[in-house]
Amino acid sequence: MAWTTATDVIAAWIGDDAPDDLAKVTTWIGKAERLLRSKVTTLEARLAADPVTEPDLLDNVIDVVTEMVQEVFRNPERIRQRQEGTGPFTGSVTFGGDAPGTLRVTADQIVLLSPAGEASGAFSIDMIPSTSSFSSAYVSPLNAWEIA
């Protein structure tokens, strides 16, 4: 199911070099949404659920997919740096990121689309010992008068 349209991507474009091949934009939107579904496995179910619980989720998905597709179209050659020179004038453009021009989802985008309160790590370690009265697993010792 496509949540983002080619019109969304082109409407958010900054500059004069917006792509005009809607079929190609739609193809890349499909690739981006498949990548998102593989990275955020609960995304499709949450979008189909009641929108009241997460009212901005669909808009966030559209924003993230738009960013992903625009990054591909802005640097289709996947180059890191481009330099041009004419006479005494030179100019250069450096593209950021680990893999410029590739379809990728960033950690910030995954956090934006993940359910609220979902742990960001693989596990967590409780540093409070179970013998401490501050621990949720604490059981107070029996006093001598409670044993009898």
Protein backbone atom coordinates (compact mmCIF):
# COMPACT_ATOMS: atom_id res chain seq x y z
CA MET A 1 0.00 0.00 0.00
CA ALA A 2 1.46 3.34 -1.03
CA TRP A 3 1.15 6.12 1.51
CA THR A 4 3.20 8.68 -0.41
CA THR A 5 2.49 9.95 -3.91
CA ALA A 6 4.81 11.39 -6.53
CA THR A 7 2.96 14.67 -6.10
CA ASP A 8 4.00 14.73 -2.41
CA VAL A 9 7.66 14.36 -3.37
CA ILE A 10 7.55 17.00 -6.10
CA ALA A 11 5.50 19.46 -4.02
CA ALA A 12 8.13 19.35 -1.26
CA TRP A 13 11.01 19.82 -3.71
CA ILE A 14 13.27 22.81 -3.08
CA GLY A 15 14.82 24.30 -6.20
CA ASP A 16 14.13 24.33 -9.92
CA ASP A 17 15.38 20.86 -10.78
CA ALA A 18 12.37 18.81 -9.66
CA PRO A 19 12.00 15.48 -11.47
CA ASP A 20 9.31 15.34 -14.13
CA ASP A 21 9.11 11.55 -14.60
CA LEU A 22 6.27 10.63 -12.23
CA ALA A 23 6.62 6.90 -12.97
CA LYS A 24 10.27 6.93 -11.87
CA VAL A 25 9.42 8.88 -8.71
CA THR A 26 6.63 6.40 -7.94
CA THR A 27 9.06 3.49 -8.38
CA TRP A 28 11.46 4.99 -5.85
CA ILE A 29 8.58 5.73 -3.46
CA GLY A 30 7.72 2.02 -3.53
CA LYS A 31 11.32 1.11 -2.78
CA ALA A 32 11.48 3.59 0.10
CA GLU A 33 8.22 2.37 1.65
CA ARG A 34 9.36 -1.27 1.42
CA LEU A 35 12.59 -0.33 3.17
CA LEU A 36 10.63 1.46 5.92
CA ARG A 37 8.34 -1.54 6.42
CA SER A 38 11.40 -3.76 6.88
CA LYS A 39 13.01 -1.40 9.39
CA VAL A 40 9.85 -0.51 11.38
CA THR A 41 7.88 -3.76 11.40
CA THR A 42 4.88 -2.32 13.26
CA LEU A 43 4.40 0.54 10.81
CA GLU A 44 1.76 -0.97 8.54
CA ALA A 45 -0.43 -2.20 11.41
CA ARG A 46 -0.18 1.13 13.22
CA LEU A 47 -1.16 3.04 10.08
CA ALA A 48 -4.19 0.78 9.60
CA ALA A 49 -5.22 1.20 13.26
CA ASP A 50 -7.17 4.07 14.77
CA PRO A 51 -5.51 7.37 13.73
CA VAL A 52 -6.48 9.04 17.02
CA THR A 53 -3.71 7.26 18.93
CA GLU A 54 -0.99 8.49 16.54
CA PRO A 55 -2.44 11.40 14.57
CA ASP A 56 0.86 12.49 12.96
CA LEU A 57 2.08 9.04 11.92
CA LEU A 58 0.88 9.18 8.31
CA ASP A 59 2.30 12.68 7.82
CA ASN A 60 5.62 11.56 9.34
CA VAL A 61 5.75 8.58 6.96
CA ILE A 62 5.11 10.87 3.99
CA ASP A 63 7.83 13.26 5.19
CA VAL A 64 10.39 10.48 5.68
CA VAL A 65 9.65 8.83 2.31
CA THR A 66 9.85 12.24 0.62
CA GLU A 67 13.27 12.89 2.18
CA MET A 68 14.53 9.45 1.17
CA VAL A 69 13.39 9.78 -2.45
CA GLN A 70 14.64 13.34 -2.80
CA GLU A 71 18.09 12.28 -1.60
CA VAL A 72 18.27 9.74 -4.43
CA PHE A 73 17.10 12.21 -7.09
CA ARG A 74 19.41 15.01 -5.93
CA ASN A 75 22.51 12.85 -6.35
CA PRO A 76 21.72 10.04 -8.80
CA GLU A 77 25.42 9.50 -9.62
CA ARG A 78 26.10 8.82 -5.91
CA ILE A 79 29.18 11.01 -5.85
CA ARG A 80 30.73 12.48 -2.71
CA GLN A 81 32.05 15.74 -4.16
CA ARG A 82 31.66 17.65 -7.44
CA GLN A 83 34.01 20.43 -8.55
CA GLU A 84 33.60 22.73 -11.51
CA GLY A 85 35.90 25.41 -12.77
CA THR A 86 35.95 28.02 -15.50
CA GLY A 87 38.94 30.30 -15.73
CA PRO A 88 39.73 31.76 -12.33
CA PHE A 89 36.36 30.70 -10.90
CA THR A 90 35.83 27.36 -9.22
CA GLY A 91 33.00 25.88 -7.26
CA SER A 92 32.40 22.65 -5.44
CA VAL A 93 29.54 20.79 -3.84
CA THR A 94 30.03 18.11 -1.19
CA PHE A 95 27.21 15.69 -0.46
CA GLY A 96 26.90 14.56 3.15
CA GLY A 97 26.09 11.22 4.69
CA ASP A 98 27.78 7.84 4.70
CA ALA A 99 26.48 6.87 1.26
CA PRO A 100 25.30 9.95 -0.63
CA GLY A 101 22.63 9.38 -3.24
CA THR A 102 21.59 5.96 -1.99
CA LEU A 103 18.20 4.98 -0.66
CA ARG A 104 18.62 4.74 3.09
CA VAL A 105 16.74 5.47 6.26
CA THR A 106 18.53 7.27 9.08
CA ALA A 107 18.40 6.43 12.77
CA ASP A 108 16.50 9.69 13.42
CA GLN A 109 13.87 8.71 10.85
CA ILE A 110 13.44 5.28 12.44
CA VAL A 111 12.98 6.89 15.86
CA LEU A 112 10.39 9.26 14.37
CA LEU A 113 8.37 6.33 13.00
CA SER A 114 8.83 3.91 15.91
CA PRO A 115 6.11 3.54 18.53
CA ALA A 116 6.36 5.93 21.46
CA GLY A 117 8.18 4.42 24.41
CA GLU A 118 9.78 1.64 22.36
CA ALA A 119 13.25 0.84 23.64
CA SER A 120 15.94 2.02 21.28
CA GLY A 121 18.46 -0.62 22.30
CA ALA A 122 18.50 -4.38 22.22
CA PHE A 123 18.18 -4.65 26.00
CA SER A 124 18.58 -2.70 29.21
CA ILE A 125 20.45 -3.47 32.40
CA ASP A 126 18.97 -2.68 35.79
CA MET A 127 21.86 -1.40 37.92
CA ILE A 128 19.85 -1.49 41.16
CA PRO A 129 20.53 -4.75 43.01
CA SER A 130 17.49 -6.84 43.93
CA THR A 131 18.53 -6.61 47.61
CA SER A 132 18.02 -2.83 47.56
CA SER A 133 14.76 -1.38 48.84
CA PHE A 134 14.67 0.73 45.65
CA SER A 135 14.41 -2.36 43.43
CA SER A 136 11.02 -3.49 42.10
CA ALA A 137 12.05 -7.09 42.91
CA TYR A 138 12.87 -6.28 46.55
CA VAL A 139 11.39 -8.52 49.24
CA SER A 140 11.82 -7.24 52.76
CA PRO A 141 13.38 -9.73 55.22
CA LEU A 142 11.20 -11.29 57.92
CA ASN A 143 11.69 -10.07 61.45
CA ALA A 144 11.96 -12.51 64.35
CA TRP A 145 8.43 -11.70 65.65
CA GLU A 146 6.95 -12.35 62.15
CA ILE A 147 8.30 -15.92 61.94
CA ALA A 148 6.38 -17.28 64.95
